[in-house]
Structure formats: C-alpha cells, structure tokens
Amino acid sequence: MSFGLPSLKVKPENAVTNNLQVGPFGVSSPFVSGLGSTKPKLGIAHPLETSERNYHLNEEKMNMAMLRNIQGLHAPLKLTMEMKFTKKIGRLPFLPSSNLQHEVLTGRHLDIGFEDILNTPDFCEVAGQPHAVVERSLGIL
C-alpha cells in the first residue's frame, strides 16, 4: 500500500550517447568545448549518482505527499505557492542572493553542505562589471 507516496527505489535514467567533437589526435579539444562541458555528456558514473542528484526533489515530493495525506490538499498547495513566489524574488543580476526565505520553507537552512562552504560568492574570482551584466540580462548587449 503506497498511500500516494512516491517510490523509494532508485529508477535508472537512460544512458546519454557521446557526441563529443574529436580533435586530430582522437581527443576532444578543451579549448573548443571547454573543460566542464564534457562531463555531463559522458553519462552516469555510478548508479547512486542519479539518486543523489535528485535527492532534494525526491524529498520534497515525499514531504508534499505525506502532508497531503495528513492535512489535506490545501497544505501542499499553499506551500507550493509560497515556494513559487520565493523563487521569483530577485535582485540585480550582479548581486548574489542568499535565498534565505526559500531555504527556510524547504528546511535546507538547517543543513550544512559543500555548497555552503566551498561555493560562496565571496570567493568568486570572476566579477563582471555591473552595467555590462545588467545590459546582457536585458538583451541590450
């Protein structure tokens, strides 16, 4: 009996075919395709990779299904609407946003992960000029 809850079993995704541009020596050129662009095209390295990649999404679906079974349809609809509005809150494109309200609604403000320590905007070495970044986001540049 599932009670409308999503499955806990990991479902494998379809393998992605490799369509890398091959250079003269049979190796793709990092100058053309970039270093980070080749990894997503290679496929899945481990079966748990897809499960870990979709962990927060699966956890949110499970929580919404349990909340619907316990409190009714109004509670997940209200939370979903609030989360949708918190995702729309934005600043200028060159200013970093902490997304604190969205993290509080999802419960992620209690977790400490790699992205909290290693991926902070304070350590970013690339900072664009504010006027150029805004013009590019508006499609002027």
N, C-alpha and C. Protein backbone atom coordinates (compact mmCIF):
# COMPACT_ATOMS: atom_id res chain seq x y z
N MET A 1 0.84 -1.18 0.00
CA MET A 1 0.00 0.00 0.00
C MET A 1 0.89 1.24 0.00
N SER A 2 0.72 2.14 -0.98
CA SER A 2 1.63 3.26 -1.13
C SER A 2 1.10 4.56 -0.51
N PHE A 3 -0.20 4.68 -0.28
CA PHE A 3 -0.82 5.88 0.27
C PHE A 3 -0.52 7.12 -0.58
N GLY A 4 -0.25 6.94 -1.86
CA GLY A 4 0.03 8.06 -2.75
C GLY A 4 1.44 8.59 -2.64
N LEU A 5 2.33 7.89 -1.92
CA LEU A 5 3.71 8.35 -1.77
C LEU A 5 4.54 7.90 -2.96
N PRO A 6 5.55 8.70 -3.35
CA PRO A 6 6.41 8.27 -4.45
C PRO A 6 7.27 7.08 -4.05
N SER A 7 7.77 6.36 -5.03
CA SER A 7 8.57 5.17 -4.78
C SER A 7 9.92 5.54 -4.20
N LEU A 8 10.42 4.70 -3.29
CA LEU A 8 11.74 4.92 -2.70
C LEU A 8 12.85 4.26 -3.48
N LYS A 9 12.50 3.41 -4.44
CA LYS A 9 13.51 2.72 -5.23
C LYS A 9 14.11 3.67 -6.26
N VAL A 10 15.41 3.52 -6.48
CA VAL A 10 16.09 4.33 -7.47
C VAL A 10 15.75 3.81 -8.85
N LYS A 11 15.30 4.71 -9.72
CA LYS A 11 14.97 4.33 -11.09
C LYS A 11 16.08 4.84 -12.00
N PRO A 12 16.75 3.94 -12.73
CA PRO A 12 17.86 4.39 -13.59
C PRO A 12 17.35 5.25 -14.74
N GLU A 13 18.18 6.23 -15.09
CA GLU A 13 17.86 7.07 -16.23
C GLU A 13 18.43 6.45 -17.49
N ASN A 14 17.97 6.89 -18.62
CA ASN A 14 18.51 6.39 -19.88
C ASN A 14 19.92 6.92 -20.08
N ALA A 15 20.78 6.09 -20.60
CA ALA A 15 22.17 6.49 -20.84
C ALA A 15 22.22 7.51 -21.96
N VAL A 16 23.10 8.46 -21.82
CA VAL A 16 23.27 9.52 -22.80
C VAL A 16 24.36 9.10 -23.78
N THR A 17 24.11 9.29 -25.06
CA THR A 17 25.11 8.94 -26.06
C THR A 17 26.18 10.02 -26.12
N ASN A 18 27.38 9.62 -26.45
CA ASN A 18 28.51 10.54 -26.54
C ASN A 18 28.60 11.11 -27.94
N ASN A 19 28.46 12.42 -28.03
CA ASN A 19 28.63 13.11 -29.31
C ASN A 19 29.67 14.20 -29.13
N LEU A 20 30.86 13.81 -28.69
CA LEU A 20 31.92 14.77 -28.47
C LEU A 20 32.64 15.08 -29.76
N GLN A 21 33.07 16.32 -29.90
CA GLN A 21 33.86 16.67 -31.07
C GLN A 21 35.28 16.16 -30.85
N VAL A 22 35.76 15.38 -31.78
CA VAL A 22 37.06 14.76 -31.65
C VAL A 22 38.08 15.59 -32.41
N GLY A 23 39.22 15.84 -31.76
CA GLY A 23 40.29 16.60 -32.38
C GLY A 23 41.15 15.72 -33.28
N PRO A 24 42.28 16.22 -33.72
CA PRO A 24 43.13 15.47 -34.65
C PRO A 24 43.76 14.22 -34.04
N PHE A 25 43.90 14.16 -32.73
CA PHE A 25 44.53 13.01 -32.09
C PHE A 25 43.52 12.09 -31.41
N GLY A 26 42.24 12.26 -31.71
CA GLY A 26 41.21 11.40 -31.15
C GLY A 26 40.72 11.84 -29.78
N VAL A 27 41.11 13.02 -29.33
CA VAL A 27 40.71 13.55 -28.03
C VAL A 27 40.00 14.87 -28.27
N SER A 28 38.92 15.12 -27.53
CA SER A 28 38.19 16.37 -27.71
C SER A 28 39.03 17.53 -27.21
N SER A 29 38.94 18.64 -27.89
CA SER A 29 39.73 19.81 -27.56
C SER A 29 39.06 20.60 -26.45
N PRO A 30 39.75 20.82 -25.32
CA PRO A 30 39.13 21.61 -24.24
C PRO A 30 39.02 23.08 -24.59
N PHE A 31 39.77 23.55 -25.58
CA PHE A 31 39.66 24.95 -25.99
C PHE A 31 38.36 25.22 -26.74
N VAL A 32 37.87 24.20 -27.43
CA VAL A 32 36.64 24.37 -28.20
C VAL A 32 35.42 24.09 -27.34
N SER A 33 35.42 22.95 -26.66
CA SER A 33 34.22 22.55 -25.92
C SER A 33 34.26 22.94 -24.45
N GLY A 34 35.41 23.27 -23.91
CA GLY A 34 35.51 23.64 -22.50
C GLY A 34 35.70 22.42 -21.62
N LEU A 35 36.26 22.64 -20.45
CA LEU A 35 36.55 21.53 -19.54
C LEU A 35 35.29 20.97 -18.91
N GLY A 36 34.36 21.84 -18.52
CA GLY A 36 33.17 21.38 -17.83
C GLY A 36 32.08 20.85 -18.73
N SER A 37 32.19 21.06 -20.03
CA SER A 37 31.11 20.64 -20.92
C SER A 37 31.17 19.17 -21.28
N THR A 38 32.29 18.51 -21.05
CA THR A 38 32.40 17.10 -21.44
C THR A 38 31.83 16.15 -20.40
N LYS A 39 31.87 16.49 -19.13
CA LYS A 39 31.43 15.56 -18.08
C LYS A 39 29.95 15.21 -18.17
N PRO A 40 29.02 16.17 -18.36
CA PRO A 40 27.61 15.77 -18.45
C PRO A 40 27.29 14.88 -19.63
N LYS A 41 28.11 14.91 -20.68
CA LYS A 41 27.85 14.11 -21.87
C LYS A 41 28.34 12.67 -21.72
N LEU A 42 29.15 12.39 -20.71
CA LEU A 42 29.73 11.07 -20.58
C LEU A 42 28.77 10.04 -19.99
N GLY A 43 27.74 10.49 -19.33
CA GLY A 43 26.77 9.55 -18.76
C GLY A 43 26.93 9.45 -17.25
N ILE A 44 26.39 8.38 -16.70
CA ILE A 44 26.35 8.19 -15.26
C ILE A 44 27.56 7.37 -14.84
N ALA A 45 28.28 7.86 -13.82
CA ALA A 45 29.46 7.14 -13.35
C ALA A 45 29.09 6.06 -12.34
N HIS A 46 28.05 6.28 -11.56
CA HIS A 46 27.65 5.34 -10.53
C HIS A 46 26.13 5.34 -10.44
N PRO A 47 25.51 4.20 -10.09
CA PRO A 47 24.04 4.16 -10.01
C PRO A 47 23.46 5.11 -8.96
N LEU A 48 24.20 5.42 -7.91
CA LEU A 48 23.68 6.33 -6.89
C LEU A 48 23.78 7.79 -7.29
N GLU A 49 24.46 8.08 -8.39
CA GLU A 49 24.62 9.47 -8.81
C GLU A 49 23.28 10.12 -9.13
N THR A 50 22.40 9.40 -9.80
CA THR A 50 21.09 9.96 -10.12
C THR A 50 20.25 10.15 -8.87
N SER A 51 20.39 9.23 -7.92
CA SER A 51 19.64 9.36 -6.68
C SER A 51 20.12 10.58 -5.89
N GLU A 52 21.42 10.79 -5.83
CA GLU A 52 21.95 11.94 -5.11
C GLU A 52 21.64 13.24 -5.83
N ARG A 53 21.62 13.21 -7.15
CA ARG A 53 21.34 14.41 -7.92
C ARG A 53 19.90 14.87 -7.70
N ASN A 54 18.99 13.91 -7.52
CA ASN A 54 17.57 14.23 -7.34
C ASN A 54 17.11 14.10 -5.89
N TYR A 55 18.04 14.14 -4.94
CA TYR A 55 17.69 13.91 -3.55
C TYR A 55 16.69 14.93 -3.02
N HIS A 56 16.97 16.21 -3.24
CA HIS A 56 16.09 17.25 -2.69
C HIS A 56 14.71 17.21 -3.36
N LEU A 57 14.67 16.93 -4.65
CA LEU A 57 13.40 16.83 -5.35
C LEU A 57 12.57 15.66 -4.83
N ASN A 58 13.22 14.50 -4.65
CA ASN A 58 12.50 13.33 -4.12
C ASN A 58 12.03 13.57 -2.69
N GLU A 59 12.87 14.23 -1.88
CA GLU A 59 12.48 14.52 -0.50
C GLU A 59 11.29 15.48 -0.47
N GLU A 60 11.30 16.48 -1.36
CA GLU A 60 10.18 17.42 -1.41
C GLU A 60 8.90 16.74 -1.85
N LYS A 61 8.98 15.84 -2.84
CA LYS A 61 7.78 15.11 -3.28
C LYS A 61 7.23 14.24 -2.15
N MET A 62 8.12 13.58 -1.42
CA MET A 62 7.70 12.71 -0.32
C MET A 62 7.03 13.54 0.78
N ASN A 63 7.63 14.67 1.12
CA ASN A 63 7.04 15.52 2.17
C ASN A 63 5.69 16.07 1.75
N MET A 64 5.56 16.48 0.48
CA MET A 64 4.27 17.00 0.00
C MET A 64 3.20 15.91 -0.01
N ALA A 65 3.58 14.69 -0.38
CA ALA A 65 2.61 13.59 -0.39
C ALA A 65 2.16 13.25 1.04
N MET A 66 3.10 13.22 1.97
CA MET A 66 2.72 12.95 3.37
C MET A 66 1.87 14.07 3.93
N LEU A 67 2.21 15.32 3.60
CA LEU A 67 1.44 16.46 4.07
C LEU A 67 0.03 16.42 3.50
N ARG A 68 -0.11 16.01 2.25
CA ARG A 68 -1.44 15.90 1.65
C ARG A 68 -2.26 14.81 2.33
N ASN A 69 -1.63 13.68 2.64
CA ASN A 69 -2.36 12.60 3.31
C ASN A 69 -2.76 12.97 4.73
N ILE A 70 -1.96 13.79 5.38
CA ILE A 70 -2.24 14.14 6.78
C ILE A 70 -3.20 15.31 6.90
N GLN A 71 -2.93 16.41 6.16
CA GLN A 71 -3.69 17.64 6.36
C GLN A 71 -4.66 17.96 5.22
N GLY A 72 -4.56 17.28 4.12
CA GLY A 72 -5.44 17.58 3.00
C GLY A 72 -4.70 18.31 1.91
N LEU A 73 -5.42 18.63 0.85
CA LEU A 73 -4.81 19.21 -0.34
C LEU A 73 -4.38 20.66 -0.16
N HIS A 74 -5.00 21.39 0.75
CA HIS A 74 -4.71 22.82 0.89
C HIS A 74 -3.29 23.08 1.37
N ALA A 75 -2.75 22.24 2.25
CA ALA A 75 -1.42 22.49 2.82
C ALA A 75 -0.31 22.41 1.77
N PRO A 76 -0.23 21.34 0.97
CA PRO A 76 0.82 21.34 -0.05
C PRO A 76 0.62 22.41 -1.13
N LEU A 77 -0.64 22.75 -1.44
CA LEU A 77 -0.87 23.81 -2.42
C LEU A 77 -0.37 25.15 -1.90
N LYS A 78 -0.62 25.42 -0.63
CA LYS A 78 -0.16 26.69 -0.03
C LYS A 78 1.36 26.75 0.01
N LEU A 79 2.01 25.65 0.42
CA LEU A 79 3.47 25.63 0.46
C LEU A 79 4.08 25.75 -0.93
N THR A 80 3.48 25.08 -1.89
CA THR A 80 3.97 25.16 -3.26
C THR A 80 3.85 26.58 -3.80
N MET A 81 2.74 27.25 -3.50
CA MET A 81 2.55 28.63 -3.93
C MET A 81 3.58 29.55 -3.27
N GLU A 82 3.84 29.36 -1.98
CA GLU A 82 4.82 30.19 -1.28
C GLU A 82 6.23 29.95 -1.84
N MET A 83 6.57 28.69 -2.14
CA MET A 83 7.89 28.41 -2.70
C MET A 83 8.04 29.00 -4.10
N LYS A 84 6.95 28.99 -4.87
CA LYS A 84 6.99 29.58 -6.20
C LYS A 84 7.25 31.08 -6.11
N PHE A 85 6.63 31.75 -5.16
CA PHE A 85 6.84 33.18 -5.01
C PHE A 85 8.23 33.50 -4.48
N THR A 86 8.78 32.64 -3.62
CA THR A 86 10.13 32.91 -3.11
C THR A 86 11.18 32.70 -4.19
N LYS A 87 10.92 31.84 -5.18
CA LYS A 87 11.86 31.68 -6.28
C LYS A 87 11.86 32.89 -7.20
N LYS A 88 10.74 33.62 -7.25
CA LYS A 88 10.64 34.79 -8.12
C LYS A 88 11.33 36.01 -7.54
N ILE A 89 11.60 36.01 -6.24
CA ILE A 89 12.27 37.15 -5.62
C ILE A 89 13.67 37.24 -6.20
N GLY A 90 14.00 38.39 -6.71
CA GLY A 90 15.31 38.53 -7.34
C GLY A 90 15.93 39.88 -7.06
N ARG A 91 17.19 39.91 -7.33
CA ARG A 91 17.94 41.16 -7.22
C ARG A 91 18.51 41.45 -8.60
N LEU A 92 19.32 42.47 -8.66
CA LEU A 92 20.01 42.74 -9.91
C LEU A 92 20.92 41.57 -10.24
N PRO A 93 21.17 41.30 -11.51
CA PRO A 93 21.90 40.08 -11.89
C PRO A 93 23.31 39.98 -11.32
N PHE A 94 23.94 41.10 -10.98
CA PHE A 94 25.31 41.04 -10.49
C PHE A 94 25.38 40.93 -8.97
N LEU A 95 24.26 41.01 -8.28
CA LEU A 95 24.25 40.87 -6.82
C LEU A 95 23.89 39.44 -6.43
N PRO A 96 24.66 38.81 -5.56
CA PRO A 96 24.31 37.46 -5.14
C PRO A 96 23.11 37.47 -4.20
N SER A 97 22.32 36.41 -4.26
CA SER A 97 21.15 36.27 -3.40
C SER A 97 21.31 35.05 -2.51
N SER A 98 20.97 35.19 -1.25
CA SER A 98 21.12 34.07 -0.31
C SER A 98 19.94 33.12 -0.36
N ASN A 99 18.79 33.55 -0.91
CA ASN A 99 17.58 32.73 -0.98
C ASN A 99 17.19 32.18 0.39
N LEU A 100 17.32 32.99 1.41
CA LEU A 100 17.05 32.54 2.78
C LEU A 100 15.60 32.12 2.97
N GLN A 101 14.66 32.89 2.42
CA GLN A 101 13.25 32.55 2.61
C GLN A 101 12.91 31.20 1.98
N HIS A 102 13.46 30.92 0.80
CA HIS A 102 13.21 29.62 0.15
C HIS A 102 13.86 28.49 0.94
N GLU A 103 15.05 28.72 1.48
CA GLU A 103 15.71 27.69 2.28
C GLU A 103 14.95 27.41 3.57
N VAL A 104 14.35 28.43 4.17
CA VAL A 104 13.57 28.22 5.39
C VAL A 104 12.31 27.42 5.08
N LEU A 105 11.66 27.71 3.96
CA LEU A 105 10.45 26.96 3.60
C LEU A 105 10.75 25.49 3.30
N THR A 106 11.89 25.22 2.69
CA THR A 106 12.24 23.84 2.36
C THR A 106 12.95 23.13 3.50
N GLY A 107 13.46 23.86 4.48
CA GLY A 107 14.17 23.25 5.59
C GLY A 107 15.65 23.07 5.35
N ARG A 108 16.17 23.63 4.27
CA ARG A 108 17.59 23.47 3.95
C ARG A 108 18.48 24.41 4.75
N HIS A 109 17.89 25.39 5.45
CA HIS A 109 18.72 26.29 6.25
C HIS A 109 19.36 25.57 7.43
N LEU A 110 18.87 24.39 7.77
CA LEU A 110 19.43 23.61 8.87
C LEU A 110 20.59 22.72 8.44
N ASP A 111 20.72 22.48 7.14
CA ASP A 111 21.75 21.58 6.62
C ASP A 111 23.01 22.36 6.26
N ILE A 112 24.15 21.75 6.48
CA ILE A 112 25.43 22.32 6.05
C ILE A 112 26.01 21.37 5.02
N GLY A 113 26.19 21.87 3.81
CA GLY A 113 26.71 21.05 2.72
C GLY A 113 27.91 21.70 2.08
N PHE A 114 28.41 21.05 1.02
CA PHE A 114 29.57 21.58 0.31
C PHE A 114 29.29 22.96 -0.27
N GLU A 115 28.06 23.15 -0.76
CA GLU A 115 27.74 24.42 -1.39
C GLU A 115 27.73 25.58 -0.40
N ASP A 116 27.59 25.30 0.90
CA ASP A 116 27.62 26.35 1.91
C ASP A 116 29.05 26.82 2.21
N ILE A 117 30.01 25.95 2.03
CA ILE A 117 31.39 26.27 2.40
C ILE A 117 32.24 26.59 1.18
N LEU A 118 32.14 25.76 0.14
CA LEU A 118 33.06 25.87 -0.99
C LEU A 118 32.54 26.71 -2.15
N ASN A 119 31.27 27.01 -2.20
CA ASN A 119 30.72 27.69 -3.37
C ASN A 119 30.12 29.04 -3.00
N THR A 120 30.75 29.75 -2.09
CA THR A 120 30.20 31.04 -1.68
C THR A 120 30.61 32.12 -2.68
N PRO A 121 29.75 33.13 -2.91
CA PRO A 121 30.10 34.19 -3.85
C PRO A 121 31.25 35.06 -3.36
N ASP A 122 31.58 34.98 -2.05
CA ASP A 122 32.70 35.77 -1.54
C ASP A 122 34.02 35.34 -2.15
N PHE A 123 34.14 34.05 -2.47
CA PHE A 123 35.39 33.52 -3.02
C PHE A 123 35.41 33.50 -4.54
N CYS A 124 34.40 34.05 -5.17
CA CYS A 124 34.33 34.05 -6.63
C CYS A 124 35.41 34.96 -7.20
N GLU A 125 36.18 34.43 -8.14
CA GLU A 125 37.26 35.21 -8.73
C GLU A 125 36.79 36.03 -9.92
N VAL A 126 35.65 35.68 -10.47
CA VAL A 126 35.16 36.37 -11.65
C VAL A 126 34.01 37.27 -11.23
N ALA A 127 34.20 38.55 -11.38
CA ALA A 127 33.15 39.51 -11.08
C ALA A 127 32.96 40.41 -12.29
N GLY A 128 31.78 40.37 -12.87
CA GLY A 128 31.52 41.18 -14.05
C GLY A 128 31.23 42.62 -13.68
N GLN A 129 31.34 43.48 -14.67
CA GLN A 129 31.00 44.88 -14.45
C GLN A 129 29.49 44.99 -14.37
N PRO A 130 28.98 45.69 -13.36
CA PRO A 130 27.53 45.72 -13.13
C PRO A 130 26.72 46.18 -14.35
N HIS A 131 27.17 47.22 -15.03
CA HIS A 131 26.40 47.73 -16.17
C HIS A 131 26.35 46.71 -17.31
N ALA A 132 27.46 46.05 -17.57
CA ALA A 132 27.50 45.06 -18.65
C ALA A 132 26.63 43.85 -18.32
N VAL A 133 26.63 43.42 -17.06
CA VAL A 133 25.83 42.26 -16.66
C VAL A 133 24.34 42.56 -16.79
N VAL A 134 23.91 43.76 -16.37
CA VAL A 134 22.51 44.13 -16.46
C VAL A 134 22.09 44.27 -17.92
N GLU A 135 22.94 44.89 -18.75
CA GLU A 135 22.60 45.04 -20.17
C GLU A 135 22.50 43.69 -20.86
N ARG A 136 23.37 42.77 -20.49
CA ARG A 136 23.31 41.44 -21.10
C ARG A 136 22.03 40.70 -20.68
N SER A 137 21.62 40.85 -19.40
CA SER A 137 20.39 40.17 -18.95
C SER A 137 19.15 40.77 -19.59
N LEU A 138 19.20 42.05 -19.97
CA LEU A 138 18.07 42.68 -20.64
C LEU A 138 18.09 42.48 -22.15
N GLY A 139 19.19 41.91 -22.67
CA GLY A 139 19.27 41.66 -24.10
C GLY A 139 19.76 42.85 -24.90
N ILE A 140 20.28 43.87 -24.23
CA ILE A 140 20.77 45.05 -24.93
C ILE A 140 22.16 44.79 -25.50
N LEU A 141 22.98 44.08 -24.75
CA LEU A 141 24.37 43.84 -25.15
C LEU A 141 24.53 42.59 -25.96
